[in-house]
Amino acid sequence: MPDAPDKAELEAAIYRHLTLQPARETTEALIVKVAELDPVTWPPDSKQLRAGLFLSVPLLGGDRTKLDQALARVRKGFKRNELLPGWHVELSEEKVYSHRDDDAGAVLLTLPVVLTLTPA
């Protein structure tokens, strides 16, 4: 089994991957956060890890399209094994929501995504 990535490493890899896109698809306002990776506990012998990925844009002036484009790029990066070599990653998106984020100092539109990592 490959070494499990940590939260900061995965977050940085996703952000780097998103900033490699063409200039017309800007990511300057995109915020990427990854929740801690936790082992899947059922079945007991599972080697999977699960984490939350949160893609956000400022609500004021932001739109769902930027989030959908970012998710499509992340999905493609995992599928092509560009983001996390040695791991197969499944993505399951949840419902978009808005919330006040004190760290960003703004109201954000956020697309939560559940990542399930399986050693390749």
PDB file of N, CA and C in Angstrom:
ATOM      1  N   MET A   1       0.851  -1.177   0.000  1.00  0.00           N
ATOM      2  CA  MET A   1       0.000   0.000   0.000  1.00  0.00           C
ATOM      3  C   MET A   1       0.901   1.247   0.000  1.00  0.00           C
ATOM      4  N   PRO A   2       0.615   2.209  -0.912  1.00  0.00           N
ATOM      5  CA  PRO A   2       1.425   3.423  -0.927  1.00  0.00           C
ATOM      6  C   PRO A   2       1.216   4.225   0.357  1.00  0.00           C
ATOM      7  N   ASP A   3       2.194   5.059   0.671  1.00  0.00           N
ATOM      8  CA  ASP A   3       2.055   5.906   1.851  1.00  0.00           C
ATOM      9  C   ASP A   3       0.823   6.789   1.698  1.00  0.00           C
ATOM     10  N   ALA A   4       0.060   6.889   2.761  1.00  0.00           N
ATOM     11  CA  ALA A   4      -1.145   7.715   2.740  1.00  0.00           C
ATOM     12  C   ALA A   4      -0.757   9.186   2.680  1.00  0.00           C
ATOM     13  N   PRO A   5      -1.404   9.939   1.795  1.00  0.00           N
ATOM     14  CA  PRO A   5      -1.104  11.367   1.740  1.00  0.00           C
ATOM     15  C   PRO A   5      -1.667  12.053   2.986  1.00  0.00           C
ATOM     16  N   ASP A   6      -1.091  13.174   3.351  1.00  0.00           N
ATOM     17  CA  ASP A   6      -1.699  13.916   4.448  1.00  0.00           C
ATOM     18  C   ASP A   6      -2.561  15.031   3.858  1.00  0.00           C
ATOM     19  N   LYS A   7      -3.343  15.641   4.706  1.00  0.00           N
ATOM     20  CA  LYS A   7      -4.305  16.670   4.306  1.00  0.00           C
ATOM     21  C   LYS A   7      -3.640  17.809   3.546  1.00  0.00           C
ATOM     22  N   ALA A   8      -2.550  18.340   4.074  1.00  0.00           N
ATOM     23  CA  ALA A   8      -1.867  19.482   3.461  1.00  0.00           C
ATOM     24  C   ALA A   8      -1.285  19.117   2.096  1.00  0.00           C
ATOM     25  N   GLU A   9      -0.721  17.912   1.993  1.00  0.00           N
ATOM     26  CA  GLU A   9      -0.140  17.448   0.735  1.00  0.00           C
ATOM     27  C   GLU A   9      -1.214  17.328  -0.346  1.00  0.00           C
ATOM     28  N   LEU A  10      -2.351  16.743   0.011  1.00  0.00           N
ATOM     29  CA  LEU A  10      -3.448  16.566  -0.939  1.00  0.00           C
ATOM     30  C   LEU A  10      -4.035  17.915  -1.347  1.00  0.00           C
ATOM     31  N   GLU A  11      -4.225  18.791  -0.383  1.00  0.00           N
ATOM     32  CA  GLU A  11      -4.750  20.136  -0.652  1.00  0.00           C
ATOM     33  C   GLU A  11      -3.832  20.894  -1.613  1.00  0.00           C
ATOM     34  N   ALA A  12      -2.536  20.859  -1.363  1.00  0.00           N
ATOM     35  CA  ALA A  12      -1.564  21.547  -2.211  1.00  0.00           C
ATOM     36  C   ALA A  12      -1.537  20.952  -3.620  1.00  0.00           C
ATOM     37  N   ALA A  13      -1.613  19.625  -3.725  1.00  0.00           N
ATOM     38  CA  ALA A  13      -1.599  18.968  -5.039  1.00  0.00           C
ATOM     39  C   ALA A  13      -2.821  19.371  -5.863  1.00  0.00           C
ATOM     40  N   ILE A  14      -3.970  19.422  -5.230  1.00  0.00           N
ATOM     41  CA  ILE A  14      -5.195  19.811  -5.939  1.00  0.00           C
ATOM     42  C   ILE A  14      -5.102  21.269  -6.379  1.00  0.00           C
ATOM     43  N   TYR A  15      -4.659  22.137  -5.492  1.00  0.00           N
ATOM     44  CA  TYR A  15      -4.546  23.548  -5.845  1.00  0.00           C
ATOM     45  C   TYR A  15      -3.541  23.763  -6.978  1.00  0.00           C
ATOM     46  N   ARG A  16      -2.390  23.088  -6.910  1.00  0.00           N
ATOM     47  CA  ARG A  16      -1.384  23.186  -7.978  1.00  0.00           C
ATOM     48  C   ARG A  16      -1.973  22.726  -9.306  1.00  0.00           C
ATOM     49  N   HIS A  17      -2.702  21.620  -9.273  1.00  0.00           N
ATOM     50  CA  HIS A  17      -3.312  21.082 -10.491  1.00  0.00           C
ATOM     51  C   HIS A  17      -4.297  22.094 -11.080  1.00  0.00           C
ATOM     52  N   LEU A  18      -5.068  22.734 -10.229  1.00  0.00           N
ATOM     53  CA  LEU A  18      -6.049  23.708 -10.709  1.00  0.00           C
ATOM     54  C   LEU A  18      -5.392  24.968 -11.261  1.00  0.00           C
ATOM     55  N   THR A  19      -4.243  25.354 -10.740  1.00  0.00           N
ATOM     56  CA  THR A  19      -3.586  26.572 -11.228  1.00  0.00           C
ATOM     57  C   THR A  19      -2.824  26.344 -12.525  1.00  0.00           C
ATOM     58  N   LEU A  20      -2.724  25.114 -12.979  1.00  0.00           N
ATOM     59  CA  LEU A  20      -2.057  24.818 -14.248  1.00  0.00           C
ATOM     60  C   LEU A  20      -2.984  25.007 -15.438  1.00  0.00           C
ATOM     61  N   GLN A  21      -4.245  25.360 -15.192  1.00  0.00           N
ATOM     62  CA  GLN A  21      -5.190  25.497 -16.302  1.00  0.00           C
ATOM     63  C   GLN A  21      -4.954  26.792 -17.079  1.00  0.00           C
ATOM     64  N   PRO A  22      -5.507  26.881 -18.290  1.00  0.00           N
ATOM     65  CA  PRO A  22      -5.316  28.076 -19.114  1.00  0.00           C
ATOM     66  C   PRO A  22      -5.821  29.337 -18.405  1.00  0.00           C
ATOM     67  N   ALA A  23      -5.233  30.464 -18.760  1.00  0.00           N
ATOM     68  CA  ALA A  23      -5.545  31.736 -18.107  1.00  0.00           C
ATOM     69  C   ALA A  23      -7.020  32.110 -18.225  1.00  0.00           C
ATOM     70  N   ARG A  24      -7.699  31.702 -19.282  1.00  0.00           N
ATOM     71  CA  ARG A  24      -9.102  32.086 -19.449  1.00  0.00           C
ATOM     72  C   ARG A  24      -9.994  31.439 -18.387  1.00  0.00           C
ATOM     73  N   GLU A  25      -9.527  30.376 -17.768  1.00  0.00           N
ATOM     74  CA  GLU A  25     -10.278  29.700 -16.713  1.00  0.00           C
ATOM     75  C   GLU A  25      -9.602  29.992 -15.380  1.00  0.00           C
ATOM     76  N   THR A  26      -9.687  31.208 -14.932  1.00  0.00           N
ATOM     77  CA  THR A  26      -8.952  31.664 -13.755  1.00  0.00           C
ATOM     78  C   THR A  26      -9.383  30.955 -12.464  1.00  0.00           C
ATOM     79  N   THR A  27      -8.430  30.743 -11.578  1.00  0.00           N
ATOM     80  CA  THR A  27      -8.722  30.124 -10.284  1.00  0.00           C
ATOM     81  C   THR A  27      -8.345  31.061  -9.149  1.00  0.00           C
ATOM     82  N   GLU A  28      -8.108  32.337  -9.467  1.00  0.00           N
ATOM     83  CA  GLU A  28      -7.615  33.252  -8.438  1.00  0.00           C
ATOM     84  C   GLU A  28      -8.545  33.358  -7.239  1.00  0.00           C
ATOM     85  N   ALA A  29      -9.850  33.219  -7.437  1.00  0.00           N
ATOM     86  CA  ALA A  29     -10.788  33.355  -6.327  1.00  0.00           C
ATOM     87  C   ALA A  29     -11.183  31.996  -5.747  1.00  0.00           C
ATOM     88  N   LEU A  30     -10.632  30.919  -6.261  1.00  0.00           N
ATOM     89  CA  LEU A  30     -10.996  29.584  -5.801  1.00  0.00           C
ATOM     90  C   LEU A  30     -10.253  29.218  -4.523  1.00  0.00           C
ATOM     91  N   ILE A  31     -10.996  28.708  -3.564  1.00  0.00           N
ATOM     92  CA  ILE A  31     -10.405  28.262  -2.301  1.00  0.00           C
ATOM     93  C   ILE A  31     -10.541  26.739  -2.246  1.00  0.00           C
ATOM     94  N   VAL A  32      -9.457  26.060  -1.933  1.00  0.00           N
ATOM     95  CA  VAL A  32      -9.438  24.599  -1.845  1.00  0.00           C
ATOM     96  C   VAL A  32      -9.114  24.203  -0.416  1.00  0.00           C
ATOM     97  N   LYS A  33      -9.987  23.403   0.198  1.00  0.00           N
ATOM     98  CA  LYS A  33      -9.720  22.882   1.543  1.00  0.00           C
ATOM     99  C   LYS A  33     -10.012  21.392   1.551  1.00  0.00           C
ATOM    100  N   VAL A  34      -9.162  20.655   2.256  1.00  0.00           N
ATOM    101  CA  VAL A  34      -9.346  19.209   2.406  1.00  0.00           C
ATOM    102  C   VAL A  34      -9.450  18.910   3.894  1.00  0.00           C
ATOM    103  N   ALA A  35     -10.473  18.127   4.258  1.00  0.00           N
ATOM    104  CA  ALA A  35     -10.615  17.676   5.645  1.00  0.00           C
ATOM    105  C   ALA A  35      -9.648  16.517   5.872  1.00  0.00           C
ATOM    106  N   GLU A  36      -9.389  16.212   7.120  1.00  0.00           N
ATOM    107  CA  GLU A  36      -8.469  15.112   7.453  1.00  0.00           C
ATOM    108  C   GLU A  36      -8.876  13.813   6.757  1.00  0.00           C
ATOM    109  N   LEU A  37      -7.884  13.044   6.351  1.00  0.00           N
ATOM    110  CA  LEU A  37      -8.139  11.737   5.755  1.00  0.00           C
ATOM    111  C   LEU A  37      -8.316  10.726   6.885  1.00  0.00           C
ATOM    112  N   ASP A  38      -9.428  10.025   6.840  1.00  0.00           N
ATOM    113  CA  ASP A  38      -9.730   9.030   7.863  1.00  0.00           C
ATOM    114  C   ASP A  38      -9.852   7.658   7.224  1.00  0.00           C
ATOM    115  N   PRO A  39      -9.401   6.609   7.931  1.00  0.00           N
ATOM    116  CA  PRO A  39      -9.560   5.259   7.397  1.00  0.00           C
ATOM    117  C   PRO A  39     -11.037   4.865   7.373  1.00  0.00           C
ATOM    118  N   VAL A  40     -11.423   4.135   6.337  1.00  0.00           N
ATOM    119  CA  VAL A  40     -12.775   3.582   6.261  1.00  0.00           C
ATOM    120  C   VAL A  40     -12.813   2.396   7.217  1.00  0.00           C
ATOM    121  N   THR A  41     -13.815   2.347   8.086  1.00  0.00           N
ATOM    122  CA  THR A  41     -13.843   1.314   9.133  1.00  0.00           C
ATOM    123  C   THR A  41     -14.710   0.102   8.795  1.00  0.00           C
ATOM    124  N   TRP A  42     -15.484   0.189   7.717  1.00  0.00           N
ATOM    125  CA  TRP A  42     -16.278  -0.976   7.348  1.00  0.00           C
ATOM    126  C   TRP A  42     -16.128  -1.238   5.882  1.00  0.00           C
ATOM    127  N   PRO A  43     -15.772  -2.406   5.454  1.00  0.00           N
ATOM    128  CA  PRO A  43     -15.466  -3.577   6.272  1.00  0.00           C
ATOM    129  C   PRO A  43     -14.164  -3.384   7.056  1.00  0.00           C
ATOM    130  N   PRO A  44     -13.999  -4.175   8.118  1.00  0.00           N
ATOM    131  CA  PRO A  44     -12.845  -4.000   9.008  1.00  0.00           C
ATOM    132  C   PRO A  44     -11.480  -4.098   8.321  1.00  0.00           C
ATOM    133  N   ASP A  45     -11.384  -4.833   7.233  1.00  0.00           N
ATOM    134  CA  ASP A  45     -10.095  -4.995   6.555  1.00  0.00           C
ATOM    135  C   ASP A  45      -9.906  -4.002   5.399  1.00  0.00           C
ATOM    136  N   SER A  46     -10.731  -2.977   5.356  1.00  0.00           N
ATOM    137  CA  SER A  46     -10.670  -1.986   4.280  1.00  0.00           C
ATOM    138  C   SER A  46      -9.338  -1.237   4.310  1.00  0.00           C
ATOM    139  N   LYS A  47      -8.806  -0.980   3.130  1.00  0.00           N
ATOM    140  CA  LYS A  47      -7.576  -0.201   3.001  1.00  0.00           C
ATOM    141  C   LYS A  47      -7.885   1.203   2.477  1.00  0.00           C
ATOM    142  N   GLN A  48      -9.172   1.540   2.402  1.00  0.00           N
ATOM    143  CA  GLN A  48      -9.593   2.829   1.877  1.00  0.00           C
ATOM    144  C   GLN A  48      -9.457   3.950   2.902  1.00  0.00           C
ATOM    145  N   LEU A  49      -9.317   5.153   2.357  1.00  0.00           N
ATOM    146  CA  LEU A  49      -9.324   6.371   3.164  1.00  0.00           C
ATOM    147  C   LEU A  49     -10.441   7.260   2.635  1.00  0.00           C
ATOM    148  N   ARG A  50     -10.984   8.094   3.482  1.00  0.00           N
ATOM    149  CA  ARG A  50     -12.039   9.006   3.060  1.00  0.00           C
ATOM    150  C   ARG A  50     -11.727  10.397   3.590  1.00  0.00           C
ATOM    151  N   ALA A  51     -12.013  11.398   2.761  1.00  0.00           N
ATOM    152  CA  ALA A  51     -11.790  12.791   3.154  1.00  0.00           C
ATOM    153  C   ALA A  51     -12.832  13.671   2.479  1.00  0.00           C
ATOM    154  N   GLY A  52     -12.987  14.848   3.005  1.00  0.00           N
ATOM    155  CA  GLY A  52     -13.862  15.832   2.389  1.00  0.00           C
ATOM    156  C   GLY A  52     -13.022  16.860   1.640  1.00  0.00           C
ATOM    157  N   LEU A  53     -13.453  17.197   0.444  1.00  0.00           N
ATOM    158  CA  LEU A  53     -12.835  18.251  -0.348  1.00  0.00           C
ATOM    159  C   LEU A  53     -13.864  19.361  -0.466  1.00  0.00           C
ATOM    160  N   PHE A  54     -13.447  20.591  -0.204  1.00  0.00           N
ATOM    161  CA  PHE A  54     -14.357  21.726  -0.266  1.00  0.00           C
ATOM    162  C   PHE A  54     -13.790  22.743  -1.248  1.00  0.00           C
ATOM    163  N   LEU A  55     -14.505  22.944  -2.352  1.00  0.00           N
ATOM    164  CA  LEU A  55     -14.137  23.936  -3.352  1.00  0.00           C
ATOM    165  C   LEU A  55     -15.056  25.126  -3.148  1.00  0.00           C
ATOM    166  N   SER A  56     -14.483  26.324  -2.972  1.00  0.00           N
ATOM    167  CA  SER A  56     -15.291  27.503  -2.667  1.00  0.00           C
ATOM    168  C   SER A  56     -14.883  28.697  -3.502  1.00  0.00           C
ATOM    169  N   VAL A  57     -15.857  29.565  -3.758  1.00  0.00           N
ATOM    170  CA  VAL A  57     -15.635  30.869  -4.386  1.00  0.00           C
ATOM    171  C   VAL A  57     -16.430  31.890  -3.583  1.00  0.00           C
ATOM    172  N   PRO A  58     -15.984  33.159  -3.587  1.00  0.00           N
ATOM    173  CA  PRO A  58     -16.779  34.174  -2.903  1.00  0.00           C
ATOM    174  C   PRO A  58     -18.185  34.245  -3.508  1.00  0.00           C
ATOM    175  N   LEU A  59     -19.195  34.320  -2.662  1.00  0.00           N
ATOM    176  CA  LEU A  59     -20.577  34.349  -3.137  1.00  0.00           C
ATOM    177  C   LEU A  59     -20.824  35.589  -3.986  1.00  0.00           C
ATOM    178  N   LEU A  60     -20.293  36.711  -3.545  1.00  0.00           N
ATOM    179  CA  LEU A  60     -20.446  37.955  -4.284  1.00  0.00           C
ATOM    180  C   LEU A  60     -19.597  37.885  -5.543  1.00  0.00           C
ATOM    181  N   GLY A  61     -20.224  37.815  -6.676  1.00  0.00           N
ATOM    182  CA  GLY A  61     -19.501  37.739  -7.940  1.00  0.00           C
ATOM    183  C   GLY A  61     -19.113  36.327  -8.339  1.00  0.00           C
ATOM    184  N   GLY A  62     -19.343  35.348  -7.478  1.00  0.00           N
ATOM    185  CA  GLY A  62     -19.004  33.964  -7.790  1.00  0.00           C
ATOM    186  C   GLY A  62     -20.197  33.256  -8.410  1.00  0.00           C
ATOM    187  N   ASP A  63     -19.943  32.199  -9.111  1.00  0.00           N
ATOM    188  CA  ASP A  63     -21.053  31.416  -9.633  1.00  0.00           C
ATOM    189  C   ASP A  63     -20.711  29.934  -9.610  1.00  0.00           C
ATOM    190  N   ARG A  64     -21.721  29.153  -9.734  1.00  0.00           N
ATOM    191  CA  ARG A  64     -21.607  27.695  -9.673  1.00  0.00           C
ATOM    192  C   ARG A  64     -20.721  27.153 -10.793  1.00  0.00           C
ATOM    193  N   THR A  65     -20.681  27.864 -11.921  1.00  0.00           N
ATOM    194  CA  THR A  65     -19.907  27.394 -13.071  1.00  0.00           C
ATOM    195  C   THR A  65     -18.437  27.209 -12.717  1.00  0.00           C
ATOM    196  N   LYS A  66     -17.848  28.155 -11.967  1.00  0.00           N
ATOM    197  CA  LYS A  66     -16.437  28.037 -11.576  1.00  0.00           C
ATOM    198  C   LYS A  66     -16.209  26.783 -10.731  1.00  0.00           C
ATOM    199  N   LEU A  67     -17.162  26.496  -9.842  1.00  0.00           N
ATOM    200  CA  LEU A  67     -17.034  25.307  -8.996  1.00  0.00           C
ATOM    201  C   LEU A  67     -17.128  24.036  -9.835  1.00  0.00           C
ATOM    202  N   ASP A  68     -18.085  24.013 -10.774  1.00  0.00           N
ATOM    203  CA  ASP A  68     -18.244  22.842 -11.631  1.00  0.00           C
ATOM    204  C   ASP A  68     -17.016  22.610 -12.504  1.00  0.00           C
ATOM    205  N   GLN A  69     -16.423  23.701 -13.024  1.00  0.00           N
ATOM    206  CA  GLN A  69     -15.220  23.572 -13.847  1.00  0.00           C
ATOM    207  C   GLN A  69     -14.043  23.058 -13.019  1.00  0.00           C
ATOM    208  N   ALA A  70     -13.915  23.570 -11.807  1.00  0.00           N
ATOM    209  CA  ALA A  70     -12.829  23.116 -10.931  1.00  0.00           C
ATOM    210  C   ALA A  70     -13.004  21.641 -10.586  1.00  0.00           C
ATOM    211  N   LEU A  71     -14.230  21.235 -10.270  1.00  0.00           N
ATOM    212  CA  LEU A  71     -14.485  19.829  -9.948  1.00  0.00           C
ATOM    213  C   LEU A  71     -14.181  18.932 -11.149  1.00  0.00           C
ATOM    214  N   ALA A  72     -14.555  19.372 -12.337  1.00  0.00           N
ATOM    215  CA  ALA A  72     -14.281  18.573 -13.543  1.00  0.00           C
ATOM    216  C   ALA A  72     -12.772  18.393 -13.733  1.00  0.00           C
ATOM    217  N   ARG A  73     -11.996  19.444 -13.485  1.00  0.00           N
ATOM    218  CA  ARG A  73     -10.532  19.342 -13.609  1.00  0.00           C
ATOM    219  C   ARG A  73      -9.933  18.425 -12.555  1.00  0.00           C
ATOM    220  N   VAL A  74     -10.452  18.524 -11.337  1.00  0.00           N
ATOM    221  CA  VAL A  74      -9.962  17.652 -10.259  1.00  0.00           C
ATOM    222  C   VAL A  74     -10.290  16.200 -10.590  1.00  0.00           C
ATOM    223  N   ARG A  75     -11.521  15.964 -11.033  1.00  0.00           N
ATOM    224  CA  ARG A  75     -11.945  14.600 -11.393  1.00  0.00           C
ATOM    225  C   ARG A  75     -11.034  14.045 -12.490  1.00  0.00           C
ATOM    226  N   LYS A  76     -10.747  14.860 -13.506  1.00  0.00           N
ATOM    227  CA  LYS A  76      -9.887  14.431 -14.612  1.00  0.00           C
ATOM    228  C   LYS A  76      -8.461  14.172 -14.112  1.00  0.00           C
ATOM    229  N   GLY A  77      -7.973  15.029 -13.215  1.00  0.00           N
ATOM    230  CA  GLY A  77      -6.630  14.848 -12.664  1.00  0.00           C
ATOM    231  C   GLY A  77      -6.482  13.548 -11.906  1.00  0.00           C
ATOM    232  N   PHE A  78      -7.514  13.187 -11.127  1.00  0.00           N
ATOM    233  CA  PHE A  78      -7.472  11.906 -10.417  1.00  0.00           C
ATOM    234  C   PHE A  78      -7.589  10.746 -11.395  1.00  0.00           C
ATOM    235  N   LYS A  79      -8.474  10.869 -12.389  1.00  0.00           N
ATOM    236  CA  LYS A  79      -8.677   9.791 -13.353  1.00  0.00           C
ATOM    237  C   LYS A  79      -7.396   9.502 -14.147  1.00  0.00           C
ATOM    238  N   ARG A  80      -6.663  10.554 -14.495  1.00  0.00           N
ATOM    239  CA  ARG A  80      -5.420  10.394 -15.268  1.00  0.00           C
ATOM    240  C   ARG A  80      -4.225  10.096 -14.380  1.00  0.00           C
ATOM    241  N   ASN A  81      -4.446   9.962 -13.079  1.00  0.00           N
ATOM    242  CA  ASN A  81      -3.390   9.648 -12.122  1.00  0.00           C
ATOM    243  C   ASN A  81      -2.342  10.762 -12.039  1.00  0.00           C
ATOM    244  N   GLU A  82      -2.768  12.012 -12.294  1.00  0.00           N
ATOM    245  CA  GLU A  82      -1.858  13.147 -12.240  1.00  0.00           C
ATOM    246  C   GLU A  82      -1.779  13.751 -10.837  1.00  0.00           C
ATOM    247  N   LEU A  83      -2.797  13.553 -10.050  1.00  0.00           N
ATOM    248  CA  LEU A  83      -2.872  14.200  -8.743  1.00  0.00           C
ATOM    249  C   LEU A  83      -2.315  13.369  -7.604  1.00  0.00           C
ATOM    250  N   LEU A  84      -2.626  12.110  -7.589  1.00  0.00           N
ATOM    251  CA  LEU A  84      -2.225  11.261  -6.471  1.00  0.00           C
ATOM    252  C   LEU A  84      -1.814   9.893  -7.004  1.00  0.00           C
ATOM    253  N   PRO A  85      -0.621   9.802  -7.598  1.00  0.00           N
ATOM    254  CA  PRO A  85      -0.171   8.527  -8.156  1.00  0.00           C
ATOM    255  C   PRO A  85      -0.188   7.425  -7.096  1.00  0.00           C
ATOM    256  N   GLY A  86      -0.605   6.241  -7.507  1.00  0.00           N
ATOM    257  CA  GLY A  86      -0.658   5.104  -6.593  1.00  0.00           C
ATOM    258  C   GLY A  86      -1.994   4.949  -5.890  1.00  0.00           C
ATOM    259  N   TRP A  87      -2.922   5.874  -6.158  1.00  0.00           N
ATOM    260  CA  TRP A  87      -4.236   5.814  -5.520  1.00  0.00           C
ATOM    261  C   TRP A  87      -5.329   5.957  -6.569  1.00  0.00           C
ATOM    262  N   HIS A  88      -6.388   5.165  -6.415  1.00  0.00           N
ATOM    263  CA  HIS A  88      -7.604   5.322  -7.213  1.00  0.00           C
ATOM    264  C   HIS A  88      -8.550   6.160  -6.349  1.00  0.00           C
ATOM    265  N   VAL A  89      -9.066   7.262  -6.906  1.00  0.00           N
ATOM    266  CA  VAL A  89      -9.904   8.166  -6.123  1.00  0.00           C
ATOM    267  C   VAL A  89     -11.280   8.286  -6.750  1.00  0.00           C
ATOM    268  N   GLU A  90     -12.301   8.041  -5.953  1.00  0.00           N
ATOM    269  CA  GLU A  90     -13.685   8.240  -6.368  1.00  0.00           C
ATOM    270  C   GLU A  90     -14.180   9.530  -5.743  1.00  0.00           C
ATOM    271  N   LEU A  91     -14.934  10.311  -6.513  1.00  0.00           N
ATOM    272  CA  LEU A  91     -15.468  11.576  -6.040  1.00  0.00           C
ATOM    273  C   LEU A  91     -16.988  11.514  -6.031  1.00  0.00           C
ATOM    274  N   SER A  92     -17.572  12.001  -4.977  1.00  0.00           N
ATOM    275  CA  SER A  92     -19.022  12.046  -4.855  1.00  0.00           C
ATOM    276  C   SER A  92     -19.401  13.444  -4.370  1.00  0.00           C
ATOM    277  N   GLU A  93     -19.970  14.241  -5.274  1.00  0.00           N
ATOM    278  CA  GLU A  93     -20.282  15.613  -4.893  1.00  0.00           C
ATOM    279  C   GLU A  93     -21.593  15.693  -4.131  1.00  0.00           C
ATOM    280  N   GLU A  94     -21.653  16.674  -3.267  1.00  0.00           N
ATOM    281  CA  GLU A  94     -22.835  16.925  -2.455  1.00  0.00           C
ATOM    282  C   GLU A  94     -23.494  18.215  -2.958  1.00  0.00           C
ATOM    283  N   LYS A  95     -24.488  18.689  -2.234  1.00  0.00           N
ATOM    284  CA  LYS A  95     -25.225  19.888  -2.620  1.00  0.00           C
ATOM    285  C   LYS A  95     -24.425  21.154  -2.290  1.00  0.00           C
ATOM    286  N   VAL A  96     -24.390  22.101  -3.227  1.00  0.00           N
ATOM    287  CA  VAL A  96     -23.710  23.380  -3.030  1.00  0.00           C
ATOM    288  C   VAL A  96     -24.443  24.175  -1.951  1.00  0.00           C
ATOM    289  N   TYR A  97     -23.663  24.857  -1.114  1.00  0.00           N
ATOM    290  CA  TYR A  97     -24.269  25.693  -0.076  1.00  0.00           C
ATOM    291  C   TYR A  97     -23.461  26.970   0.105  1.00  0.00           C
ATOM    292  N   SER A  98     -24.071  27.979   0.720  1.00  0.00           N
ATOM    293  CA  SER A  98     -23.349  29.214   1.022  1.00  0.00           C
ATOM    294  C   SER A  98     -23.182  29.316   2.533  1.00  0.00           C
ATOM    295  N   HIS A  99     -22.094  29.950   2.956  1.00  0.00           N
ATOM    296  CA  HIS A  99     -21.813  30.097   4.379  1.00  0.00           C
ATOM    297  C   HIS A  99     -20.805  31.218   4.590  1.00  0.00           C
ATOM    298  N   ARG A 100     -20.791  31.740   5.787  1.00  0.00           N
ATOM    299  CA  ARG A 100     -19.809  32.771   6.149  1.00  0.00           C
ATOM    300  C   ARG A 100     -18.538  32.065   6.616  1.00  0.00           C
ATOM    301  N   ASP A 101     -17.407  32.458   6.048  1.00  0.00           N
ATOM    302  CA  ASP A 101     -16.126  31.877   6.408  1.00  0.00           C
ATOM    303  C   ASP A 101     -15.267  32.978   7.025  1.00  0.00           C
ATOM    304  N   ASP A 102     -14.959  32.840   8.309  1.00  0.00           N
ATOM    305  CA  ASP A 102     -14.177  33.855   9.003  1.00  0.00           C
ATOM    306  C   ASP A 102     -12.744  33.924   8.492  1.00  0.00           C
ATOM    307  N   ASP A 103     -12.160  32.773   8.097  1.00  0.00           N
ATOM    308  CA  ASP A 103     -10.791  32.771   7.573  1.00  0.00           C
ATOM    309  C   ASP A 103     -10.704  33.584   6.280  1.00  0.00           C
ATOM    310  N   ALA A 104     -11.707  33.433   5.413  1.00  0.00           N
ATOM    311  CA  ALA A 104     -11.714  34.166   4.144  1.00  0.00           C
ATOM    312  C   ALA A 104     -12.282  35.570   4.320  1.00  0.00           C
ATOM    313  N   GLY A 105     -13.006  35.789   5.408  1.00  0.00           N
ATOM    314  CA  GLY A 105     -13.614  37.094   5.650  1.00  0.00           C
ATOM    315  C   GLY A 105     -14.710  37.427   4.660  1.00  0.00           C
ATOM    316  N   ALA A 106     -15.433  36.394   4.217  1.00  0.00           N
ATOM    317  CA  ALA A 106     -16.474  36.606   3.219  1.00  0.00           C
ATOM    318  C   ALA A 106     -17.502  35.481   3.295  1.00  0.00           C
ATOM    319  N   VAL A 107     -18.598  35.688   2.582  1.00  0.00           N
ATOM    320  CA  VAL A 107     -19.581  34.623   2.402  1.00  0.00           C
ATOM    321  C   VAL A 107     -19.141  33.842   1.168  1.00  0.00           C
ATOM    322  N   LEU A 108     -19.055  32.528   1.313  1.00  0.00           N
ATOM    323  CA  LEU A 108     -18.570  31.670   0.232  1.00  0.00           C
ATOM    324  C   LEU A 108     -19.671  30.760  -0.299  1.00  0.00           C
ATOM    325  N   LEU A 109     -19.557  30.426  -1.560  1.00  0.00           N
ATOM    326  CA  LEU A 109     -20.375  29.397  -2.183  1.00  0.00           C
ATOM    327  C   LEU A 109     -19.468  28.170  -2.238  1.00  0.00           C
ATOM    328  N   THR A 110     -19.889  27.083  -1.608  1.00  0.00           N
ATOM    329  CA  THR A 110     -19.018  25.916  -1.439  1.00  0.00           C
ATOM    330  C   THR A 110     -19.643  24.658  -2.034  1.00  0.00           C
ATOM    331  N   LEU A 111     -18.809  23.902  -2.748  1.00  0.00           N
ATOM    332  CA  LEU A 111     -19.186  22.597  -3.288  1.00  0.00           C
ATOM    333  C   LEU A 111     -18.417  21.542  -2.505  1.00  0.00           C
ATOM    334  N   PRO A 112     -19.114  20.805  -1.620  1.00  0.00           N
ATOM    335  CA  PRO A 112     -18.428  19.730  -0.890  1.00  0.00           C
ATOM    336  C   PRO A 112     -18.373  18.447  -1.732  1.00  0.00           C
ATOM    337  N   VAL A 113     -17.247  17.760  -1.630  1.00  0.00           N
ATOM    338  CA  VAL A 113     -17.038  16.524  -2.383  1.00  0.00           C
ATOM    339  C   VAL A 113     -16.430  15.491  -1.425  1.00  0.00           C
ATOM    340  N   VAL A 114     -16.979  14.283  -1.433  1.00  0.00           N
ATOM    341  CA  VAL A 114     -16.415  13.196  -0.643  1.00  0.00           C
ATOM    342  C   VAL A 114     -15.412  12.462  -1.526  1.00  0.00           C
ATOM    343  N   LEU A 115     -14.182  12.349  -1.038  1.00  0.00           N
ATOM    344  CA  LEU A 115     -13.124  11.609  -1.734  1.00  0.00           C
ATOM    345  C   LEU A 115     -12.950  10.253  -1.060  1.00  0.00           C
ATOM    346  N   THR A 116     -12.966   9.194  -1.839  1.00  0.00           N
ATOM    347  CA  THR A 116     -12.677   7.864  -1.324  1.00  0.00           C
ATOM    348  C   THR A 116     -11.427   7.372  -2.048  1.00  0.00           C
ATOM    349  N   LEU A 117     -10.356   7.164  -1.279  1.00  0.00           N
ATOM    350  CA  LEU A 117      -9.070   6.768  -1.844  1.00  0.00           C
ATOM    351  C   LEU A 117      -8.835   5.284  -1.601  1.00  0.00           C
ATOM    352  N   THR A 118      -8.467   4.586  -2.664  1.00  0.00           N
ATOM    353  CA  THR A 118      -8.152   3.170  -2.605  1.00  0.00           C
ATOM    354  C   THR A 118      -6.776   2.963  -3.200  1.00  0.00           C
ATOM    355  N   PRO A 119      -5.872   2.233  -2.531  1.00  0.00           N
ATOM    356  CA  PRO A 119      -4.567   1.977  -3.134  1.00  0.00           C
ATOM    357  C   PRO A 119      -4.718   1.302  -4.491  1.00  0.00           C
ATOM    358  N   ALA A 120      -3.974   1.775  -5.485  1.00  0.00           N
ATOM    359  CA  ALA A 120      -4.087   1.225  -6.851  1.00  0.00           C
ATOM    360  C   ALA A 120      -3.372  -0.104  -6.953  1.00  0.00           C
TER     361      ALA A 120
END
